[in-house]
């Protein structure tokens, strides 16, 4: 018995020795895998190396101005502050001053009318152009490229050109209208209190059409043609195809276009200053232009910052309400 046991022991020992690598070094366990761990660490470091510059940029050029403007709205921040460094906190005094101002109600109404009119015109015309360019026809690409020109021209240059076009006595628009039999006189597009806001809205619509058309055209390109072919078999053509196929699939892009459009339009400043400078008689004065006046003409940066914060609040309010209504409509 002992001889067989010793023989078995020797056989087990010889098998273990055969599996033992030369040099007596044990192979690493499968659970450790130090090579894969180091690769993950390097990948993580590379991700952080690309992410940190973007975060630093956002903090410096977006986060800091927003926080600084928010704090300035609660401070007596004037030109004196640049010399003394003192900007005492005044609580809600800046907001009370701007909200009780005789110009605020008119500026708020003009802001709402200007934003609503611009967004409606830009979106409807931009969508119509996007649907039109979805068809294949000669010079399609060339015309779509030319459509971007109003977006590429500097706004101050566009305002100067449009100011000449809308001039009462020598403007190209009134010269063209004089050729029509049913037009009598020269409309004062930029000097009439009843027409100035309409003229500014029209120019802003012209400026915003390329943005709307480009984004909506990109959304239309993502809709498969097979859906329209299948819908045509069921009689969904023309308006029915747009209502039941195009619009539901385009809704996410529409949400982006409308939210960004409202945010951009609320803060429009340069085109209004270039055309009317807020006049005549404050008929084109908006919250953005009023904030400019308070900050850079009256040098009351605290009240200017307070008006800027009101614009931010209006933008957030619209975004939250619209996104909620849109989500409810999608769920239904």
C-alpha atoms as a PDB file:
ATOM      1  CA  UNK A   1       0.000   0.000   0.000  1.00  0.00           C
ATOM      2  CA  UNK A   2       2.732   2.448   0.945  1.00  0.00           C
ATOM      3  CA  UNK A   3       4.582   1.685  -2.273  1.00  0.00           C
ATOM      4  CA  UNK A   4       1.512   2.542  -4.392  1.00  0.00           C
ATOM      5  CA  UNK A   5       0.945   5.737  -2.357  1.00  0.00           C
ATOM      6  CA  UNK A   6       4.535   6.820  -2.809  1.00  0.00           C
ATOM      7  CA  UNK A   7       4.286   6.110  -6.521  1.00  0.00           C
ATOM      8  CA  UNK A   8       1.121   8.243  -6.759  1.00  0.00           C
ATOM      9  CA  UNK A   9       2.768  11.042  -4.854  1.00  0.00           C
ATOM     10  CA  UNK A  10       5.761  10.964  -7.136  1.00  0.00           C
ATOM     11  CA  UNK A  11       3.509  11.028 -10.205  1.00  0.00           C
ATOM     12  CA  UNK A  12       1.597  14.043  -8.890  1.00  0.00           C
ATOM     13  CA  UNK A  13       4.825  15.818  -8.099  1.00  0.00           C
ATOM     14  CA  UNK A  14       6.202  15.085 -11.568  1.00  0.00           C
ATOM     15  CA  UNK A  15       2.999  16.444 -13.197  1.00  0.00           C
ATOM     16  CA  UNK A  16       3.210  19.628 -11.117  1.00  0.00           C
ATOM     17  CA  UNK A  17       6.851  20.026 -12.043  1.00  0.00           C
ATOM     18  CA  UNK A  18       5.955  19.611 -15.724  1.00  0.00           C
ATOM     19  CA  UNK A  19       3.335  22.386 -15.468  1.00  0.00           C
ATOM     20  CA  UNK A  20       5.780  24.649 -13.627  1.00  0.00           C
ATOM     21  CA  UNK A  21       7.394  27.158 -16.082  1.00  0.00           C
ATOM     22  CA  UNK A  22      11.115  27.251 -16.454  1.00  0.00           C
ATOM     23  CA  UNK A  23      12.877  29.451 -13.952  1.00  0.00           C
ATOM     24  CA  UNK A  24      10.277  28.766 -11.276  1.00  0.00           C
ATOM     25  CA  UNK A  25       8.223  31.918 -12.049  1.00  0.00           C
ATOM     26  CA  UNK A  26       4.467  31.566 -11.706  1.00  0.00           C
ATOM     27  CA  UNK A  27       2.343  32.958 -14.602  1.00  0.00           C
ATOM     28  CA  UNK A  28       0.121  35.899 -13.711  1.00  0.00           C
ATOM     29  CA  UNK A  29      -3.418  35.050 -12.693  1.00  0.00           C
ATOM     30  CA  UNK A  30      -6.194  35.625 -15.188  1.00  0.00           C
ATOM     31  CA  UNK A  31      -8.055  37.942 -12.802  1.00  0.00           C
ATOM     32  CA  UNK A  32      -5.312  40.562 -12.647  1.00  0.00           C
ATOM     33  CA  UNK A  33      -4.698  41.528 -16.296  1.00  0.00           C
ATOM     34  CA  UNK A  34      -2.384  44.496 -15.590  1.00  0.00           C
ATOM     35  CA  UNK A  35      -2.035  45.211 -19.346  1.00  0.00           C
ATOM     36  CA  UNK A  36      -5.737  45.885 -19.820  1.00  0.00           C
ATOM     37  CA  UNK A  37      -5.882  48.022 -16.660  1.00  0.00           C
ATOM     38  CA  UNK A  38      -3.024  50.228 -17.837  1.00  0.00           C
ATOM     39  CA  UNK A  39      -4.685  50.615 -21.262  1.00  0.00           C
ATOM     40  CA  UNK A  40      -7.911  51.765 -19.604  1.00  0.00           C
ATOM     41  CA  UNK A  41      -5.968  54.235 -17.476  1.00  0.00           C
ATOM     42  CA  UNK A  42      -4.261  55.702 -20.534  1.00  0.00           C
ATOM     43  CA  UNK A  43      -7.580  55.985 -22.363  1.00  0.00           C
ATOM     44  CA  UNK A  44      -9.108  57.732 -19.353  1.00  0.00           C
ATOM     45  CA  UNK A  45      -6.201  60.189 -19.192  1.00  0.00           C
ATOM     46  CA  UNK A  46      -6.588  60.906 -22.911  1.00  0.00           C
ATOM     47  CA  UNK A  47     -10.319  61.577 -22.440  1.00  0.00           C
ATOM     48  CA  UNK A  48      -9.611  63.995 -19.600  1.00  0.00           C
ATOM     49  CA  UNK A  49      -6.901  65.701 -21.659  1.00  0.00           C
ATOM     50  CA  UNK A  50      -9.473  66.469 -24.369  1.00  0.00           C
ATOM     51  CA  UNK A  51     -12.227  67.353 -21.889  1.00  0.00           C
ATOM     52  CA  UNK A  52     -10.346  69.736 -19.595  1.00  0.00           C
ATOM     53  CA  UNK A  53      -9.695  72.479 -22.219  1.00  0.00           C
ATOM     54  CA  UNK A  54     -13.369  72.495 -23.172  1.00  0.00           C
ATOM     55  CA  UNK A  55     -14.429  72.737 -19.522  1.00  0.00           C
ATOM     56  CA  UNK A  56     -11.949  75.547 -18.880  1.00  0.00           C
ATOM     57  CA  UNK A  57     -13.266  77.413 -21.928  1.00  0.00           C
ATOM     58  CA  UNK A  58     -16.894  77.022 -20.814  1.00  0.00           C
ATOM     59  CA  UNK A  59     -16.119  78.150 -17.287  1.00  0.00           C
ATOM     60  CA  UNK A  60     -14.106  81.201 -18.349  1.00  0.00           C
ATOM     61  CA  UNK A  61     -16.192  82.457 -21.259  1.00  0.00           C
ATOM     62  CA  UNK A  62     -19.687  81.231 -20.312  1.00  0.00           C
ATOM     63  CA  UNK A  63     -19.862  80.403 -16.632  1.00  0.00           C
ATOM     64  CA  UNK A  64     -17.960  83.425 -15.315  1.00  0.00           C
ATOM     65  CA  UNK A  65     -19.866  86.064 -17.377  1.00  0.00           C
ATOM     66  CA  UNK A  66     -23.229  84.576 -16.377  1.00  0.00           C
ATOM     67  CA  UNK A  67     -22.330  84.487 -12.679  1.00  0.00           C
ATOM     68  CA  UNK A  68     -20.757  87.963 -12.858  1.00  0.00           C
ATOM     69  CA  UNK A  69     -23.823  89.420 -14.572  1.00  0.00           C
ATOM     70  CA  UNK A  70     -26.074  87.774 -12.000  1.00  0.00           C
ATOM     71  CA  UNK A  71     -24.083  89.332  -9.144  1.00  0.00           C
ATOM     72  CA  UNK A  72     -23.940  92.754 -10.829  1.00  0.00           C
ATOM     73  CA  UNK A  73     -27.723  92.798 -10.894  1.00  0.00           C
ATOM     74  CA  UNK A  74     -27.634  93.068  -7.095  1.00  0.00           C
ATOM     75  CA  UNK A  75     -24.844  95.663  -6.931  1.00  0.00           C
ATOM     76  CA  UNK A  76     -24.502  99.414  -7.407  1.00  0.00           C
ATOM     77  CA  UNK A  77     -22.045  98.927 -10.254  1.00  0.00           C
ATOM     78  CA  UNK A  78     -21.121 102.203 -11.992  1.00  0.00           C
ATOM     79  CA  UNK A  79     -18.066 103.839 -13.573  1.00  0.00           C
ATOM     80  CA  UNK A  80     -16.911 104.725 -10.057  1.00  0.00           C
ATOM     81  CA  UNK A  81     -16.470 101.033  -9.386  1.00  0.00           C
ATOM     82  CA  UNK A  82     -13.646 100.811 -11.942  1.00  0.00           C
ATOM     83  CA  UNK A  83     -11.597 103.309  -9.922  1.00  0.00           C
ATOM     84  CA  UNK A  84     -12.514 102.400  -6.343  1.00  0.00           C
ATOM     85  CA  UNK A  85     -13.259  98.707  -6.808  1.00  0.00           C
ATOM     86  CA  UNK A  86     -16.331  99.137  -4.607  1.00  0.00           C
ATOM     87  CA  UNK A  87     -19.702  97.824  -5.761  1.00  0.00           C
ATOM     88  CA  UNK A  88     -21.949  97.621  -2.688  1.00  0.00           C
ATOM     89  CA  UNK A  89     -24.864  95.207  -2.705  1.00  0.00           C
ATOM     90  CA  UNK A  90     -28.217  96.937  -3.003  1.00  0.00           C
ATOM     91  CA  UNK A  91     -30.491  93.914  -2.941  1.00  0.00           C
ATOM     92  CA  UNK A  92     -33.412  94.160  -5.341  1.00  0.00           C
ATOM     93  CA  UNK A  93     -33.124  97.924  -5.887  1.00  0.00           C
ATOM     94  CA  UNK A  94     -31.871  97.534  -9.473  1.00  0.00           C
ATOM     95  CA  UNK A  95     -34.748  95.240 -10.359  1.00  0.00           C
ATOM     96  CA  UNK A  96     -37.245  97.557  -8.686  1.00  0.00           C
ATOM     97  CA  UNK A  97     -35.835 100.508 -10.647  1.00  0.00           C
ATOM     98  CA  UNK A  98     -35.966  98.833 -14.068  1.00  0.00           C
ATOM     99  CA  UNK A  99     -39.324  97.119 -13.558  1.00  0.00           C
ATOM    100  CA  UNK A 100     -40.965 100.341 -12.403  1.00  0.00           C
ATOM    101  CA  UNK A 101     -39.439 102.357 -15.251  1.00  0.00           C
ATOM    102  CA  UNK A 102     -41.852 103.972 -17.680  1.00  0.00           C
ATOM    103  CA  UNK A 103     -39.986 102.352 -20.584  1.00  0.00           C
ATOM    104  CA  UNK A 104     -40.019  98.779 -19.291  1.00  0.00           C
ATOM    105  CA  UNK A 105     -43.641  97.979 -20.170  1.00  0.00           C
ATOM    106  CA  UNK A 106     -43.190  99.261 -23.712  1.00  0.00           C
ATOM    107  CA  UNK A 107     -39.846  97.478 -24.073  1.00  0.00           C
ATOM    108  CA  UNK A 108     -41.371  94.218 -22.829  1.00  0.00           C
ATOM    109  CA  UNK A 109     -44.286  94.479 -25.282  1.00  0.00           C
ATOM    110  CA  UNK A 110     -41.923  95.295 -28.149  1.00  0.00           C
ATOM    111  CA  UNK A 111     -39.715  92.350 -27.169  1.00  0.00           C
ATOM    112  CA  UNK A 112     -42.671  89.949 -27.258  1.00  0.00           C
ATOM    113  CA  UNK A 113     -43.957  91.314 -30.592  1.00  0.00           C
ATOM    114  CA  UNK A 114     -40.496  91.383 -32.132  1.00  0.00           C
ATOM    115  CA  UNK A 115     -39.701  87.816 -31.005  1.00  0.00           C
ATOM    116  CA  UNK A 116     -43.081  86.335 -31.957  1.00  0.00           C
ATOM    117  CA  UNK A 117     -43.190  88.039 -35.358  1.00  0.00           C
ATOM    118  CA  UNK A 118     -39.590  87.144 -36.196  1.00  0.00           C
ATOM    119  CA  UNK A 119     -39.885  83.492 -35.142  1.00  0.00           C
ATOM    120  CA  UNK A 120     -43.182  83.016 -36.985  1.00  0.00           C
ATOM    121  CA  UNK A 121     -41.903  84.534 -40.225  1.00  0.00           C
ATOM    122  CA  UNK A 122     -38.494  82.843 -40.096  1.00  0.00           C
ATOM    123  CA  UNK A 123     -39.918  79.414 -39.323  1.00  0.00           C
ATOM    124  CA  UNK A 124     -42.761  79.396 -41.853  1.00  0.00           C
ATOM    125  CA  UNK A 125     -40.655  80.732 -44.728  1.00  0.00           C
ATOM    126  CA  UNK A 126     -37.654  78.620 -43.737  1.00  0.00           C
ATOM    127  CA  UNK A 127     -39.768  75.455 -43.620  1.00  0.00           C
ATOM    128  CA  UNK A 128     -41.323  76.229 -47.010  1.00  0.00           C
ATOM    129  CA  UNK A 129     -37.874  76.769 -48.534  1.00  0.00           C
ATOM    130  CA  UNK A 130     -36.533  73.578 -46.933  1.00  0.00           C
ATOM    131  CA  UNK A 131     -39.425  71.536 -48.348  1.00  0.00           C
ATOM    132  CA  UNK A 132     -38.912  73.149 -51.758  1.00  0.00           C
ATOM    133  CA  UNK A 133     -35.188  72.332 -51.869  1.00  0.00           C
ATOM    134  CA  UNK A 134     -35.853  68.729 -50.888  1.00  0.00           C
ATOM    135  CA  UNK A 135     -36.760  68.117 -54.531  1.00  0.00           C
ATOM    136  CA  UNK A 136     -34.065  67.470 -57.100  1.00  0.00           C
ATOM    137  CA  UNK A 137     -33.766  70.111 -59.832  1.00  0.00           C
ATOM    138  CA  UNK A 138     -30.941  71.864 -61.706  1.00  0.00           C
ATOM    139  CA  UNK A 139     -28.838  74.338 -59.674  1.00  0.00           C
ATOM    140  CA  UNK A 140     -30.290  73.047 -56.420  1.00  0.00           C
ATOM    141  CA  UNK A 141     -26.931  73.066 -54.634  1.00  0.00           C
ATOM    142  CA  UNK A 142     -25.978  76.493 -56.000  1.00  0.00           C
ATOM    143  CA  UNK A 143     -29.227  78.112 -54.869  1.00  0.00           C
ATOM    144  CA  UNK A 144     -28.947  76.532 -51.408  1.00  0.00           C
ATOM    145  CA  UNK A 145     -25.444  77.954 -51.096  1.00  0.00           C
ATOM    146  CA  UNK A 146     -26.652  81.426 -52.121  1.00  0.00           C
ATOM    147  CA  UNK A 147     -29.388  81.154 -49.502  1.00  0.00           C
ATOM    148  CA  UNK A 148     -26.716  81.367 -46.795  1.00  0.00           C
ATOM    149  CA  UNK A 149     -25.476  84.809 -47.897  1.00  0.00           C
ATOM    150  CA  UNK A 150     -27.711  86.845 -45.534  1.00  0.00           C
ATOM    151  CA  UNK A 151     -26.400  84.740 -42.666  1.00  0.00           C
ATOM    152  CA  UNK A 152     -22.761  85.296 -43.659  1.00  0.00           C
ATOM    153  CA  UNK A 153     -22.892  89.065 -44.118  1.00  0.00           C
ATOM    154  CA  UNK A 154     -21.977  91.011 -40.926  1.00  0.00           C
ATOM    155  CA  UNK A 155     -25.082  92.337 -39.211  1.00  0.00           C
ATOM    156  CA  UNK A 156     -23.860  95.936 -39.182  1.00  0.00           C
ATOM    157  CA  UNK A 157     -23.332  95.785 -42.952  1.00  0.00           C
ATOM    158  CA  UNK A 158     -26.790  94.254 -43.413  1.00  0.00           C
ATOM    159  CA  UNK A 159     -28.320  96.996 -41.260  1.00  0.00           C
ATOM    160  CA  UNK A 160     -26.600  99.694 -43.342  1.00  0.00           C
ATOM    161  CA  UNK A 161     -27.881  98.208 -46.601  1.00  0.00           C
ATOM    162  CA  UNK A 162     -31.402  97.787 -45.286  1.00  0.00           C
ATOM    163  CA  UNK A 163     -31.388 101.329 -43.905  1.00  0.00           C
ATOM    164  CA  UNK A 164     -30.735 102.559 -47.442  1.00  0.00           C
ATOM    165  CA  UNK A 165     -33.404 100.237 -48.908  1.00  0.00           C
ATOM    166  CA  UNK A 166     -36.012 101.442 -46.388  1.00  0.00           C
ATOM    167  CA  UNK A 167     -35.161 105.129 -46.652  1.00  0.00           C
ATOM    168  CA  UNK A 168     -38.301 107.238 -47.036  1.00  0.00           C
ATOM    169  CA  UNK A 169     -37.166 109.518 -49.862  1.00  0.00           C
ATOM    170  CA  UNK A 170     -34.430 107.648 -51.705  1.00  0.00           C
ATOM    171  CA  UNK A 171     -34.926 104.032 -50.654  1.00  0.00           C
ATOM    172  CA  UNK A 172     -35.139 101.271 -53.241  1.00  0.00           C
ATOM    173  CA  UNK A 173     -38.314  99.866 -51.685  1.00  0.00           C
ATOM    174  CA  UNK A 174     -40.286 103.104 -51.967  1.00  0.00           C
ATOM    175  CA  UNK A 175     -38.957 103.659 -55.486  1.00  0.00           C
ATOM    176  CA  UNK A 176     -40.349 100.240 -56.421  1.00  0.00           C
ATOM    177  CA  UNK A 177     -43.651 100.903 -54.660  1.00  0.00           C
ATOM    178  CA  UNK A 178     -44.118 104.137 -56.611  1.00  0.00           C
ATOM    179  CA  UNK A 179     -44.437 102.048 -59.769  1.00  0.00           C
ATOM    180  CA  UNK A 180     -47.556 100.359 -58.377  1.00  0.00           C
ATOM    181  CA  UNK A 181     -50.874 102.094 -59.105  1.00  0.00           C
ATOM    182  CA  UNK A 182     -52.483 101.438 -55.716  1.00  0.00           C
ATOM    183  CA  UNK A 183     -49.646 102.891 -53.573  1.00  0.00           C
ATOM    184  CA  UNK A 184     -49.911 106.566 -52.726  1.00  0.00           C
ATOM    185  CA  UNK A 185     -47.032 108.373 -51.002  1.00  0.00           C
ATOM    186  CA  UNK A 186     -43.783 107.151 -49.483  1.00  0.00           C
ATOM    187  CA  UNK A 187     -44.180 105.052 -46.323  1.00  0.00           C
ATOM    188  CA  UNK A 188     -41.827 106.159 -43.543  1.00  0.00           C
ATOM    189  CA  UNK A 189     -40.557 102.675 -42.726  1.00  0.00           C
ATOM    190  CA  UNK A 190     -37.945 103.659 -40.135  1.00  0.00           C
ATOM    191  CA  UNK A 191     -39.285 106.999 -38.898  1.00  0.00           C
ATOM    192  CA  UNK A 192     -42.942 106.158 -38.312  1.00  0.00           C
ATOM    193  CA  UNK A 193     -43.948 104.899 -34.873  1.00  0.00           C
ATOM    194  CA  UNK A 194     -46.465 102.537 -36.453  1.00  0.00           C
ATOM    195  CA  UNK A 195     -44.168 101.089 -39.148  1.00  0.00           C
ATOM    196  CA  UNK A 196     -40.704 101.022 -37.563  1.00  0.00           C
ATOM    197  CA  UNK A 197     -41.237  97.838 -35.541  1.00  0.00           C
ATOM    198  CA  UNK A 198     -42.766  96.077 -38.571  1.00  0.00           C
ATOM    199  CA  UNK A 199     -39.758  97.066 -40.679  1.00  0.00           C
ATOM    200  CA  UNK A 200     -37.290  95.822 -38.069  1.00  0.00           C
ATOM    201  CA  UNK A 201     -39.172  92.521 -37.767  1.00  0.00           C
ATOM    202  CA  UNK A 202     -39.091  92.132 -41.553  1.00  0.00           C
ATOM    203  CA  UNK A 203     -35.322  92.656 -41.679  1.00  0.00           C
ATOM    204  CA  UNK A 204     -34.773  90.203 -38.826  1.00  0.00           C
ATOM    205  CA  UNK A 205     -36.919  87.627 -40.640  1.00  0.00           C
ATOM    206  CA  UNK A 206     -34.690  88.032 -43.695  1.00  0.00           C
ATOM    207  CA  UNK A 207     -31.626  87.443 -41.515  1.00  0.00           C
ATOM    208  CA  UNK A 208     -33.039  84.349 -39.788  1.00  0.00           C
ATOM    209  CA  UNK A 209     -34.421  82.478 -42.802  1.00  0.00           C
ATOM    210  CA  UNK A 210     -31.069  80.825 -43.721  1.00  0.00           C
ATOM    211  CA  UNK A 211     -30.658  79.363 -40.222  1.00  0.00           C
ATOM    212  CA  UNK A 212     -34.166  77.913 -40.164  1.00  0.00           C
ATOM    213  CA  UNK A 213     -34.012  76.615 -43.736  1.00  0.00           C
ATOM    214  CA  UNK A 214     -30.608  74.965 -43.226  1.00  0.00           C
ATOM    215  CA  UNK A 215     -31.496  73.156 -40.000  1.00  0.00           C
ATOM    216  CA  UNK A 216     -34.937  72.082 -41.233  1.00  0.00           C
ATOM    217  CA  UNK A 217     -33.494  70.910 -44.551  1.00  0.00           C
ATOM    218  CA  UNK A 218     -31.055  68.710 -42.657  1.00  0.00           C
ATOM    219  CA  UNK A 219     -33.942  67.225 -40.685  1.00  0.00           C
ATOM    220  CA  UNK A 220     -35.912  66.547 -43.865  1.00  0.00           C
ATOM    221  CA  UNK A 221     -32.961  64.686 -45.361  1.00  0.00           C
ATOM    222  CA  UNK A 222     -33.129  62.162 -42.502  1.00  0.00           C
ATOM    223  CA  UNK A 223     -36.696  61.092 -43.369  1.00  0.00           C
ATOM    224  CA  UNK A 224     -36.587  57.907 -45.502  1.00  0.00           C
ATOM    225  CA  UNK A 225     -38.165  58.072 -48.938  1.00  0.00           C
ATOM    226  CA  UNK A 226     -39.718  54.642 -48.334  1.00  0.00           C
ATOM    227  CA  UNK A 227     -42.162  56.195 -45.891  1.00  0.00           C
ATOM    228  CA  UNK A 228     -43.504  58.558 -48.540  1.00  0.00           C
ATOM    229  CA  UNK A 229     -43.776  55.697 -51.036  1.00  0.00           C
ATOM    230  CA  UNK A 230     -45.692  53.595 -48.527  1.00  0.00           C
ATOM    231  CA  UNK A 231     -47.898  56.556 -47.640  1.00  0.00           C
ATOM    232  CA  UNK A 232     -48.653  57.227 -51.305  1.00  0.00           C
ATOM    233  CA  UNK A 233     -50.048  53.720 -51.601  1.00  0.00           C
ATOM    234  CA  UNK A 234     -52.529  54.587 -48.844  1.00  0.00           C
ATOM    235  CA  UNK A 235     -53.403  57.930 -50.401  1.00  0.00           C
ATOM    236  CA  UNK A 236     -51.147  60.083 -48.184  1.00  0.00           C
ATOM    237  CA  UNK A 237     -49.787  62.595 -50.694  1.00  0.00           C
ATOM    238  CA  UNK A 238     -49.278  66.361 -50.644  1.00  0.00           C
ATOM    239  CA  UNK A 239     -50.624  67.938 -47.498  1.00  0.00           C
ATOM    240  CA  UNK A 240     -51.565  64.573 -45.978  1.00  0.00           C
ATOM    241  CA  UNK A 241     -48.008  63.296 -46.394  1.00  0.00           C
ATOM    242  CA  UNK A 242     -46.672  66.440 -44.729  1.00  0.00           C
ATOM    243  CA  UNK A 243     -49.130  66.185 -41.845  1.00  0.00           C
ATOM    244  CA  UNK A 244     -48.809  62.479 -41.108  1.00  0.00           C
ATOM    245  CA  UNK A 245     -45.206  61.743 -42.147  1.00  0.00           C
ATOM    246  CA  UNK A 246     -43.066  64.869 -42.401  1.00  0.00           C
ATOM    247  CA  UNK A 247     -44.266  66.842 -39.396  1.00  0.00           C
ATOM    248  CA  UNK A 248     -44.193  64.036 -36.766  1.00  0.00           C
ATOM    249  CA  UNK A 249     -40.671  62.960 -37.798  1.00  0.00           C
ATOM    250  CA  UNK A 250     -39.464  66.560 -38.039  1.00  0.00           C
ATOM    251  CA  UNK A 251     -40.766  67.565 -34.605  1.00  0.00           C
ATOM    252  CA  UNK A 252     -37.437  67.050 -32.721  1.00  0.00           C
ATOM    253  CA  UNK A 253     -35.665  69.330 -35.205  1.00  0.00           C
ATOM    254  CA  UNK A 254     -38.495  71.872 -34.961  1.00  0.00           C
ATOM    255  CA  UNK A 255     -38.023  71.935 -31.191  1.00  0.00           C
ATOM    256  CA  UNK A 256     -34.335  72.770 -31.560  1.00  0.00           C
ATOM    257  CA  UNK A 257     -35.004  75.445 -34.180  1.00  0.00           C
ATOM    258  CA  UNK A 258     -37.721  77.189 -32.163  1.00  0.00           C
ATOM    259  CA  UNK A 259     -35.893  77.144 -28.821  1.00  0.00           C
ATOM    260  CA  UNK A 260     -32.642  78.418 -30.337  1.00  0.00           C
ATOM    261  CA  UNK A 261     -34.539  80.936 -32.451  1.00  0.00           C
ATOM    262  CA  UNK A 262     -36.290  82.437 -29.440  1.00  0.00           C
ATOM    263  CA  UNK A 263     -33.056  82.627 -27.447  1.00  0.00           C
ATOM    264  CA  UNK A 264     -31.229  84.325 -30.326  1.00  0.00           C
ATOM    265  CA  UNK A 265     -34.090  86.722 -31.101  1.00  0.00           C
ATOM    266  CA  UNK A 266     -34.613  87.856 -27.512  1.00  0.00           C
ATOM    267  CA  UNK A 267     -31.073  89.201 -27.378  1.00  0.00           C
ATOM    268  CA  UNK A 268     -31.017  90.855 -30.828  1.00  0.00           C
ATOM    269  CA  UNK A 269     -29.332  94.221 -30.426  1.00  0.00           C
ATOM    270  CA  UNK A 270     -27.124  95.214 -33.351  1.00  0.00           C
ATOM    271  CA  UNK A 271     -29.748  95.093 -36.082  1.00  0.00           C
ATOM    272  CA  UNK A 272     -32.107  97.329 -34.071  1.00  0.00           C
ATOM    273  CA  UNK A 273     -29.342  99.791 -33.227  1.00  0.00           C
ATOM    274  CA  UNK A 274     -28.242  99.871 -36.864  1.00  0.00           C
ATOM    275  CA  UNK A 275     -31.735 100.519 -38.218  1.00  0.00           C
ATOM    276  CA  UNK A 276     -33.580 102.679 -35.685  1.00  0.00           C
ATOM    277  CA  UNK A 277     -31.425 102.927 -32.538  1.00  0.00           C
ATOM    278  CA  UNK A 278     -34.553 102.060 -30.560  1.00  0.00           C
ATOM    279  CA  UNK A 279     -36.635 104.880 -32.028  1.00  0.00           C
ATOM    280  CA  UNK A 280     -38.642 106.660 -33.113  1.00  0.00           C
ATOM    281  CA  UNK A 281     -40.136 107.542 -29.727  1.00  0.00           C
ATOM    282  CA  UNK A 282     -38.965 104.165 -28.310  1.00  0.00           C
ATOM    283  CA  UNK A 283     -41.260 102.305 -30.722  1.00  0.00           C
ATOM    284  CA  UNK A 284     -38.533  99.711 -31.379  1.00  0.00           C
ATOM    285  CA  UNK A 285     -37.018  99.713 -27.905  1.00  0.00           C
ATOM    286  CA  UNK A 286     -36.640  96.172 -26.547  1.00  0.00           C
ATOM    287  CA  UNK A 287     -35.277  94.827 -23.278  1.00  0.00           C
ATOM    288  CA  UNK A 288     -31.948  94.107 -25.005  1.00  0.00           C
ATOM    289  CA  UNK A 289     -31.598  97.662 -26.325  1.00  0.00           C
ATOM    290  CA  UNK A 290     -32.777  99.092 -23.007  1.00  0.00           C
ATOM    291  CA  UNK A 291     -30.078  97.064 -21.241  1.00  0.00           C
ATOM    292  CA  UNK A 292     -27.542  98.530 -23.672  1.00  0.00           C
ATOM    293  CA  UNK A 293     -28.749 102.057 -22.936  1.00  0.00           C
ATOM    294  CA  UNK A 294     -28.555 101.549 -19.166  1.00  0.00           C
ATOM    295  CA  UNK A 295     -25.075 100.023 -19.332  1.00  0.00           C
ATOM    296  CA  UNK A 296     -23.211 101.911 -22.053  1.00  0.00           C
ATOM    297  CA  UNK A 297     -25.023 105.241 -22.306  1.00  0.00           C
ATOM    298  CA  UNK A 298     -26.092 105.888 -18.732  1.00  0.00           C
ATOM    299  CA  UNK A 299     -23.243 103.750 -17.305  1.00  0.00           C
ATOM    300  CA  UNK A 300     -25.478 102.112 -14.723  1.00  0.00           C
ATOM    301  CA  UNK A 301     -24.124  98.605 -15.143  1.00  0.00           C
ATOM    302  CA  UNK A 302     -26.163  97.258 -12.231  1.00  0.00           C
ATOM    303  CA  UNK A 303     -29.488  98.091 -13.879  1.00  0.00           C
ATOM    304  CA  UNK A 304     -28.171  96.923 -17.263  1.00  0.00           C
ATOM    305  CA  UNK A 305     -27.219  93.581 -15.720  1.00  0.00           C
ATOM    306  CA  UNK A 306     -30.649  93.332 -14.088  1.00  0.00           C
ATOM    307  CA  UNK A 307     -32.320  93.744 -17.498  1.00  0.00           C
ATOM    308  CA  UNK A 308     -29.958  91.121 -18.923  1.00  0.00           C
ATOM    309  CA  UNK A 309     -31.000  88.716 -16.171  1.00  0.00           C
ATOM    310  CA  UNK A 310     -34.647  89.374 -17.053  1.00  0.00           C
ATOM    311  CA  UNK A 311     -33.863  88.288 -20.622  1.00  0.00           C
ATOM    312  CA  UNK A 312     -32.215  85.105 -19.346  1.00  0.00           C
ATOM    313  CA  UNK A 313     -35.271  84.394 -17.209  1.00  0.00           C
ATOM    314  CA  UNK A 314     -37.609  84.902 -20.175  1.00  0.00           C
ATOM    315  CA  UNK A 315     -35.505  82.520 -22.296  1.00  0.00           C
ATOM    316  CA  UNK A 316     -35.535  79.830 -19.608  1.00  0.00           C
ATOM    317  CA  UNK A 317     -39.265  80.267 -19.069  1.00  0.00           C
ATOM    318  CA  UNK A 318     -40.042  79.830 -22.753  1.00  0.00           C
ATOM    319  CA  UNK A 319     -37.729  76.811 -23.079  1.00  0.00           C
ATOM    320  CA  UNK A 320     -39.260  75.020 -20.088  1.00  0.00           C
ATOM    321  CA  UNK A 321     -42.875  75.726 -21.091  1.00  0.00           C
ATOM    322  CA  UNK A 322     -42.365  74.812 -24.746  1.00  0.00           C
ATOM    323  CA  UNK A 323     -40.452  71.611 -24.005  1.00  0.00           C
ATOM    324  CA  UNK A 324     -43.144  70.507 -21.572  1.00  0.00           C
ATOM    325  CA  UNK A 325     -45.961  71.199 -24.001  1.00  0.00           C
ATOM    326  CA  UNK A 326     -44.056  69.466 -26.781  1.00  0.00           C
ATOM    327  CA  UNK A 327     -43.425  66.389 -24.612  1.00  0.00           C
ATOM    328  CA  UNK A 328     -47.107  66.253 -23.666  1.00  0.00           C
ATOM    329  CA  UNK A 329     -48.094  66.468 -27.342  1.00  0.00           C
ATOM    330  CA  UNK A 330     -45.691  63.631 -28.208  1.00  0.00           C
ATOM    331  CA  UNK A 331     -47.033  61.452 -25.385  1.00  0.00           C
ATOM    332  CA  UNK A 332     -50.600  61.983 -26.551  1.00  0.00           C
END
